[in-house]
Amino acid sequence: MIMVGSKIEYQMSLFKLSALVLIFSTLAACGVIRDRSNDYIHAERGEHVKIPEWYKSSSVEARYPIPPIDNKRSLPDEYFLPEPPDATIIILAENYVIESLEDQTWLLVNETPGRIWPSLDHFWEENGIDVEFENPRLGLMQTELVGLNLLSNQLLDRLGIVGSDAGSPLALQARLGQGVKRNTTELQVRVLETVSGEQQFEGWSAMPGNSEAENKLLEVISSYLENSQSYRSYSLLAHDIGGTSKVALVSDPGVAPYLKLDLSFARAWSSASKALRGANINVADLDRSEGVFYLDYGQEEESTNWFWGLFSSEEVRPEYNLVLKLEKEGSGYLLKVSKAQGEITRVEGMEILNLLLDNIS
């Protein structure tokens, strides 16, 4: 009987709760309980919050402040935000490439100098050679005299140099530098003949010594670097090897933008030519002696347009519409772009120069 009574009481409580919910729902539907969701519309405007004079104004600041912009410039009435550059453009087609221009040869590596420096140290060590002199800031290494043990003799054999035929004792020298393309390294080597076996630091020679042996040494180092990528480390001491980038886009206010190339004329001309090919910009004509490229940029689309042909029957389309010129400055060159006719806008100039910067090498 006690259990039956408890069950009846529980059912009565559940019935009362259900009835109470039903009553409140009905009252709300009939408008007895007022809907206050739109009361904010009729709210009165209050007074501005006043900060006491004794309170430090420096303590009141935006949670997400907008930093000041130093490079301020006015934009044209119609401005289209350019698409972000293709991230794959900055990657070389090959990670290790031996390139030559005139009398210079170098190994181009698709990594920063800070990563190649310690790997080069390991290369000498595995070939039984100690580094006698080194300067990470200048990117210079010079080994001890080679050919004094079995491993270094084997390296000389690979370079086509027989120890007994070498004449004077030899030392090897390497120089690392920033590549033209961002995050790349250029490596050059020299085979040095010493006087009477005296070991001293030799300044870097702009001219190659034994070109054949130096080219073979670059091939051996390239193969080593490619096969030892899993052991690659980073040298903080070699972080600033070669200084700043050899190519930079300069866009100072009030001055037409340009590319600054810290290169010889031959390298600057070659790099600009590669950048134009990589960006698929048509070169209508060129004058290497004057450092000038005549570009046909964007005209092909116009010429195939029926609307262009409708009004151009009496006007011959010009062969080129842009001029790209290398101008000497100090030890390097400036690469500037202009229109064949009329003035080029800053937006147009930046568009061309950014394309070249993304594809230069």
Protein backbone atom coordinates (compact mmCIF):
# COMPACT_ATOMS: atom_id res chain seq x y z
CA MET A 1 0.00 0.00 0.00
CA ILE A 2 2.89 2.37 0.72
CA MET A 3 4.40 1.75 -2.70
CA VAL A 4 1.08 2.36 -4.47
CA GLY A 5 0.60 5.62 -2.58
CA SER A 6 4.04 6.92 -3.54
CA LYS A 7 3.38 6.15 -7.17
CA ILE A 8 0.09 8.05 -7.07
CA GLU A 9 1.77 11.07 -5.45
CA TYR A 10 4.49 11.08 -8.11
CA GLN A 11 1.91 11.01 -10.91
CA MET A 12 -0.03 13.88 -9.28
CA SER A 13 3.14 16.01 -9.04
CA LEU A 14 3.96 15.36 -12.70
CA PHE A 15 0.38 16.30 -13.66
CA LYS A 16 0.58 19.57 -11.68
CA LEU A 17 3.91 20.52 -13.31
CA SER A 18 2.55 19.83 -16.80
CA ALA A 19 -0.53 21.88 -16.08
CA LEU A 20 1.60 24.79 -14.79
CA VAL A 21 3.74 24.79 -17.97
CA LEU A 22 0.60 24.70 -20.12
CA ILE A 23 -0.91 27.67 -18.24
CA PHE A 24 2.24 29.81 -18.64
CA SER A 25 2.46 28.95 -22.33
CA THR A 26 -1.15 29.95 -22.87
CA LEU A 27 -0.70 33.23 -21.00
CA ALA A 28 2.39 34.08 -23.06
CA ALA A 29 0.53 33.32 -26.28
CA CYS A 30 -2.37 35.53 -25.20
CA GLY A 31 -0.04 38.44 -24.46
CA VAL A 32 -0.42 38.37 -20.68
CA ILE A 33 3.41 38.11 -20.36
CA ARG A 34 4.78 41.00 -22.48
CA ASP A 35 7.49 40.37 -25.08
CA ARG A 36 10.41 42.69 -24.23
CA SER A 37 12.81 41.64 -27.02
CA ASN A 38 12.40 44.98 -28.89
CA ASP A 39 12.57 47.31 -25.91
CA TYR A 40 16.09 48.40 -26.84
CA ILE A 41 14.65 50.31 -29.83
CA HIS A 42 12.96 52.79 -27.50
CA ALA A 43 15.92 53.12 -25.14
CA GLU A 44 17.00 56.72 -24.46
CA ARG A 45 20.51 57.90 -25.30
CA GLY A 46 22.62 58.27 -22.20
CA GLU A 47 25.46 60.67 -21.49
CA HIS A 48 29.00 60.06 -22.71
CA VAL A 49 31.31 58.28 -20.34
CA LYS A 50 33.64 60.81 -18.75
CA ILE A 51 37.13 59.79 -17.69
CA PRO A 52 38.41 61.58 -14.58
CA GLU A 53 41.28 63.97 -15.18
CA TRP A 54 43.46 62.13 -12.69
CA TYR A 55 43.19 58.93 -14.75
CA LYS A 56 46.15 58.34 -17.04
CA SER A 57 45.14 58.55 -20.68
CA SER A 58 47.91 56.10 -21.59
CA SER A 59 45.99 53.37 -19.79
CA VAL A 60 43.01 53.82 -22.13
CA GLU A 61 43.86 52.29 -25.46
CA ALA A 62 42.38 50.09 -28.15
CA ARG A 63 42.58 46.38 -27.55
CA TYR A 64 43.61 45.83 -31.19
CA PRO A 65 45.43 49.04 -32.21
CA ILE A 66 46.13 49.80 -35.87
CA PRO A 67 49.85 50.50 -36.34
CA PRO A 68 50.89 53.72 -38.09
CA ILE A 69 51.78 53.48 -41.78
CA ASP A 70 54.94 55.30 -42.82
CA ASN A 71 54.67 54.50 -46.53
CA LYS A 72 51.52 56.49 -47.27
CA ARG A 73 50.47 57.12 -50.85
CA SER A 74 47.24 57.99 -52.57
CA LEU A 75 45.60 55.35 -54.71
CA PRO A 76 43.91 55.99 -58.06
CA ASP A 77 40.13 56.23 -58.28
CA GLU A 78 39.96 52.72 -59.69
CA TYR A 79 42.25 50.36 -57.85
CA PHE A 80 42.26 46.58 -58.12
CA LEU A 81 43.95 44.64 -55.35
CA PRO A 82 46.57 42.44 -57.06
CA GLU A 83 46.44 38.71 -56.53
CA PRO A 84 49.02 37.26 -54.12
CA PRO A 85 52.16 35.99 -55.83
CA ASP A 86 52.37 32.34 -56.68
CA ALA A 87 54.30 30.76 -53.80
CA THR A 88 55.76 28.17 -56.17
CA ILE A 89 57.48 30.90 -58.19
CA ILE A 90 60.21 31.34 -55.57
CA ILE A 91 61.10 27.64 -55.81
CA LEU A 92 63.80 26.72 -58.29
CA ALA A 93 63.02 24.09 -60.92
CA GLU A 94 66.08 22.16 -59.64
CA ASN A 95 67.57 22.28 -56.16
CA TYR A 96 71.19 22.03 -57.31
CA VAL A 97 72.28 23.66 -60.56
CA ILE A 98 75.77 24.52 -61.80
CA GLU A 99 75.60 27.74 -63.80
CA SER A 100 78.23 29.60 -65.82
CA LEU A 101 78.40 33.10 -67.21
CA GLU A 102 81.45 34.40 -69.04
CA ASP A 103 84.44 33.26 -66.90
CA GLN A 104 82.45 32.62 -63.69
CA THR A 105 80.93 29.30 -62.56
CA TRP A 106 78.91 28.65 -59.41
CA LEU A 107 76.63 26.10 -57.79
CA LEU A 108 73.13 27.45 -57.22
CA VAL A 109 71.39 25.79 -54.26
CA ASN A 110 67.73 26.19 -53.35
CA GLU A 111 68.49 26.81 -49.64
CA THR A 112 69.75 29.67 -47.50
CA PRO A 113 73.51 30.10 -46.86
CA GLY A 114 72.93 29.43 -43.16
CA ARG A 115 72.01 25.83 -44.02
CA ILE A 116 74.75 25.22 -46.57
CA TRP A 117 77.63 26.49 -44.41
CA PRO A 118 77.59 23.63 -41.82
CA SER A 119 77.03 21.07 -44.60
CA LEU A 120 80.14 22.34 -46.36
CA ASP A 121 82.06 21.95 -43.09
CA HIS A 122 80.94 18.31 -42.96
CA PHE A 123 81.99 17.81 -46.58
CA TRP A 124 85.60 18.80 -45.84
CA GLU A 125 85.61 16.65 -42.71
CA GLU A 126 84.38 13.53 -44.52
CA ASN A 127 87.13 14.00 -47.11
CA GLY A 128 89.84 14.17 -44.46
CA ILE A 129 90.40 17.91 -44.76
CA ASP A 130 90.45 20.47 -41.96
CA VAL A 131 89.33 24.07 -42.46
CA GLU A 132 92.30 26.31 -41.69
CA PHE A 133 90.65 29.72 -42.13
CA GLU A 134 86.99 30.71 -42.17
CA ASN A 135 84.93 33.88 -41.99
CA PRO A 136 81.16 33.22 -41.83
CA ARG A 137 80.29 36.89 -42.30
CA LEU A 138 82.14 36.99 -45.63
CA GLY A 139 81.14 33.42 -46.44
CA LEU A 140 84.78 32.38 -46.97
CA MET A 141 86.44 29.04 -46.16
CA GLN A 142 90.00 27.93 -46.85
CA THR A 143 91.22 24.42 -46.14
CA GLU A 144 94.56 23.14 -44.96
CA LEU A 145 96.99 21.74 -47.52
CA VAL A 146 95.32 18.80 -49.25
CA GLY A 147 96.87 15.55 -50.45
CA LEU A 148 98.56 14.80 -47.14
CA ASN A 149 96.36 11.79 -46.30
CA LEU A 150 94.47 9.04 -48.11
CA LEU A 151 91.02 10.66 -48.10
CA SER A 152 92.18 14.03 -49.41
CA ASN A 153 94.28 12.27 -52.07
CA GLN A 154 91.15 10.44 -53.21
CA LEU A 155 89.35 13.78 -53.51
CA LEU A 156 92.19 15.15 -55.66
CA ASP A 157 91.90 12.09 -57.88
CA ARG A 158 88.20 12.80 -58.38
CA LEU A 159 89.14 16.34 -59.42
CA GLY A 160 91.57 15.00 -62.01
CA ILE A 161 94.62 16.07 -59.99
CA VAL A 162 97.25 13.44 -59.20
CA GLY A 163 99.08 14.27 -55.99
CA SER A 164 102.56 13.80 -57.46
CA ASP A 165 101.68 15.94 -60.49
CA ALA A 166 100.21 18.81 -58.52
CA GLY A 167 103.52 20.65 -58.33
CA SER A 168 103.10 23.06 -55.42
CA PRO A 169 100.97 21.93 -52.46
CA LEU A 170 97.29 22.78 -52.93
CA ALA A 171 94.61 24.32 -50.74
CA LEU A 172 90.91 24.61 -51.51
CA GLN A 173 88.81 27.71 -51.03
CA ALA A 174 85.03 28.18 -51.05
CA ARG A 175 82.85 31.26 -51.00
CA LEU A 176 79.14 31.26 -50.15
CA GLY A 177 76.87 34.14 -51.05
CA GLN A 178 73.22 35.09 -51.38
CA GLY A 179 71.63 33.96 -54.62
CA VAL A 180 69.75 36.33 -56.89
CA LYS A 181 66.48 34.56 -56.12
CA ARG A 182 65.26 34.78 -52.54
CA ASN A 183 66.36 32.06 -50.09
CA THR A 184 68.99 30.63 -52.44
CA THR A 185 72.77 30.25 -52.18
CA GLU A 186 75.59 30.63 -54.68
CA LEU A 187 78.77 28.62 -54.05
CA GLN A 188 82.07 29.20 -55.83
CA VAL A 189 85.35 27.36 -55.27
CA ARG A 190 89.02 27.90 -56.03
CA VAL A 191 91.98 25.48 -56.20
CA LEU A 192 94.96 27.41 -54.83
CA GLU A 193 98.64 26.70 -55.32
CA THR A 194 100.74 27.62 -52.29
CA VAL A 195 104.34 28.83 -52.30
CA SER A 196 106.78 26.27 -50.88
CA GLY A 197 103.97 24.70 -48.88
CA GLU A 198 103.49 27.73 -46.68
CA GLN A 199 99.96 27.92 -45.34
CA GLN A 200 98.44 31.38 -45.27
CA PHE A 201 95.04 32.88 -45.91
CA GLU A 202 94.61 33.90 -49.54
CA GLY A 203 92.21 36.63 -50.57
CA TRP A 204 89.38 35.58 -52.82
CA SER A 205 90.37 35.73 -56.47
CA ALA A 206 87.75 36.96 -58.91
CA MET A 207 89.41 34.93 -61.65
CA PRO A 208 89.32 31.12 -61.59
CA GLY A 209 92.56 29.19 -61.11
CA ASN A 210 92.20 25.64 -62.36
CA SER A 211 88.79 25.88 -64.05
CA GLU A 212 88.47 22.19 -64.86
CA ALA A 213 89.28 21.05 -61.33
CA GLU A 214 87.05 23.75 -59.79
CA ASN A 215 84.09 22.70 -61.94
CA LYS A 216 84.57 19.07 -60.92
CA LEU A 217 84.79 20.13 -57.25
CA LEU A 218 81.42 21.89 -57.61
CA GLU A 219 79.96 18.67 -59.05
CA VAL A 220 81.31 16.62 -56.13
CA ILE A 221 79.96 19.11 -53.56
CA SER A 222 76.59 19.25 -55.35
CA SER A 223 76.28 15.46 -55.20
CA TYR A 224 77.25 15.46 -51.51
CA LEU A 225 74.72 18.15 -50.58
CA GLU A 226 71.95 16.37 -52.47
CA ASN A 227 72.64 13.08 -50.69
CA SER A 228 73.01 14.57 -47.19
CA GLN A 229 69.80 16.61 -46.93
CA SER A 230 68.51 14.59 -43.97
CA TYR A 231 71.53 15.69 -41.92
CA ARG A 232 71.13 19.37 -42.78
CA SER A 233 71.55 21.76 -39.84
CA TYR A 234 71.53 25.53 -39.51
CA SER A 235 74.35 27.92 -38.58
CA LEU A 236 73.39 31.11 -36.76
CA LEU A 237 76.92 32.42 -37.34
CA ALA A 238 76.35 32.14 -41.09
CA HIS A 239 72.91 33.77 -40.94
CA ASP A 240 74.12 37.02 -42.54
CA ILE A 241 76.40 35.51 -45.18
CA GLY A 242 76.61 37.71 -48.21
CA GLY A 243 74.74 40.59 -46.57
CA THR A 244 71.39 41.72 -47.92
CA SER A 245 69.62 40.29 -50.95
CA LYS A 246 71.18 40.96 -54.34
CA VAL A 247 67.81 42.08 -55.70
CA ALA A 248 65.35 44.43 -53.97
CA LEU A 249 62.20 46.28 -54.99
CA VAL A 250 62.44 49.97 -54.06
CA SER A 251 59.19 51.93 -53.91
CA ASP A 252 59.94 55.13 -52.03
CA PRO A 253 57.20 57.82 -52.00
CA GLY A 254 57.57 60.42 -54.72
CA VAL A 255 59.97 58.28 -56.76
CA ALA A 256 59.11 55.86 -59.55
CA PRO A 257 59.60 52.27 -58.31
CA TYR A 258 62.54 50.20 -59.55
CA LEU A 259 64.49 47.01 -58.92
CA LYS A 260 67.93 47.41 -57.37
CA LEU A 261 70.38 44.76 -58.61
CA ASP A 262 73.66 44.30 -56.75
CA LEU A 263 75.16 42.54 -59.76
CA SER A 264 77.61 43.04 -62.59
CA PHE A 265 76.16 44.09 -65.92
CA ALA A 266 76.44 40.58 -67.36
CA ARG A 267 74.60 39.04 -64.37
CA ALA A 268 72.01 41.84 -64.28
CA TRP A 269 71.26 41.43 -68.00
CA SER A 270 71.06 37.64 -67.71
CA SER A 271 68.82 37.81 -64.62
CA ALA A 272 66.46 40.32 -66.25
CA SER A 273 66.25 38.11 -69.35
CA LYS A 274 65.37 35.05 -67.26
CA ALA A 275 62.77 37.04 -65.31
CA LEU A 276 61.06 38.17 -68.53
CA ARG A 277 60.94 34.60 -69.81
CA GLY A 278 59.65 33.31 -66.48
CA ALA A 279 56.91 35.97 -66.40
CA ASN A 280 55.94 35.22 -70.04
CA ILE A 281 56.50 38.83 -71.06
CA ASN A 282 57.19 39.15 -74.78
CA VAL A 283 60.40 40.97 -75.72
CA ALA A 284 59.77 42.71 -79.05
CA ASP A 285 63.37 43.95 -79.35
CA LEU A 286 66.46 44.56 -77.22
CA ASP A 287 69.73 46.48 -77.19
CA ARG A 288 72.30 44.88 -74.89
CA SER A 289 74.87 47.64 -75.39
CA GLU A 290 72.35 50.15 -74.00
CA GLY A 291 70.85 47.75 -71.46
CA VAL A 292 67.33 48.12 -72.90
CA PHE A 293 64.45 45.67 -73.43
CA TYR A 294 61.46 46.71 -75.55
CA LEU A 295 58.41 44.88 -74.22
CA ASP A 296 55.12 43.92 -75.80
CA TYR A 297 53.06 43.59 -72.63
CA GLY A 298 49.34 42.89 -72.81
CA GLN A 299 48.96 44.00 -76.43
CA GLU A 300 48.39 40.52 -77.78
CA GLU A 301 45.04 40.30 -75.98
CA GLU A 302 44.04 43.68 -77.39
CA SER A 303 44.96 42.75 -80.95
CA THR A 304 42.81 39.59 -80.87
CA ASN A 305 39.82 41.51 -79.56
CA TRP A 306 37.17 42.24 -82.24
CA PHE A 307 36.46 45.57 -80.57
CA TRP A 308 40.13 46.62 -81.00
CA GLY A 309 40.07 45.61 -84.68
CA LEU A 310 36.87 47.56 -85.25
CA PHE A 311 38.61 50.89 -84.57
CA SER A 312 42.22 50.12 -85.52
CA SER A 313 41.92 49.65 -89.29
CA GLU A 314 43.81 52.86 -89.97
CA GLU A 315 46.21 52.60 -87.04
CA VAL A 316 49.06 50.09 -86.89
CA ARG A 317 49.52 48.50 -83.48
CA PRO A 318 52.94 49.45 -82.04
CA GLU A 319 55.51 46.66 -81.76
CA TYR A 320 56.18 47.46 -78.11
CA ASN A 321 54.51 49.52 -75.42
CA LEU A 322 56.96 49.32 -72.48
CA VAL A 323 60.68 49.96 -72.12
CA LEU A 324 62.80 48.18 -69.49
CA LYS A 325 66.22 49.73 -68.90
CA LEU A 326 69.29 48.92 -66.81
CA GLU A 327 70.92 52.02 -65.36
CA LYS A 328 74.33 51.98 -63.68
CA GLU A 329 74.46 52.99 -60.00
CA GLY A 330 77.57 52.41 -57.90
CA SER A 331 78.70 48.82 -58.21
CA GLY A 332 75.26 47.61 -59.35
CA TYR A 333 72.35 48.52 -61.57
CA LEU A 334 68.78 49.82 -61.36
CA LEU A 335 66.09 48.19 -63.46
CA LYS A 336 63.42 50.74 -64.42
CA VAL A 337 60.27 50.45 -66.49
CA SER A 338 58.55 53.17 -68.54
CA LYS A 339 55.96 53.49 -71.28
CA ALA A 340 56.98 53.91 -74.89
CA GLN A 341 54.36 56.64 -75.13
CA GLY A 342 52.97 58.63 -72.24
CA GLU A 343 53.58 58.29 -68.53
CA ILE A 344 53.40 54.97 -66.70
CA THR A 345 51.34 54.96 -63.50
CA ARG A 346 52.78 53.74 -60.22
CA VAL A 347 50.35 50.80 -60.17
CA GLU A 348 51.39 49.72 -63.69
CA GLY A 349 55.08 49.99 -62.82
CA MET A 350 54.67 47.98 -59.62
CA GLU A 351 52.77 45.28 -61.50
CA ILE A 352 55.62 44.73 -63.97
CA LEU A 353 58.39 44.95 -61.37
CA ASN A 354 56.66 42.51 -59.01
CA LEU A 355 56.34 40.02 -61.87
CA LEU A 356 60.04 40.35 -62.58
CA LEU A 357 60.95 40.07 -58.88
CA ASP A 358 58.97 36.83 -58.54
CA ASN A 359 60.73 35.27 -61.54
CA ILE A 360 64.24 36.69 -61.35
CA SER A 361 67.19 34.33 -60.84
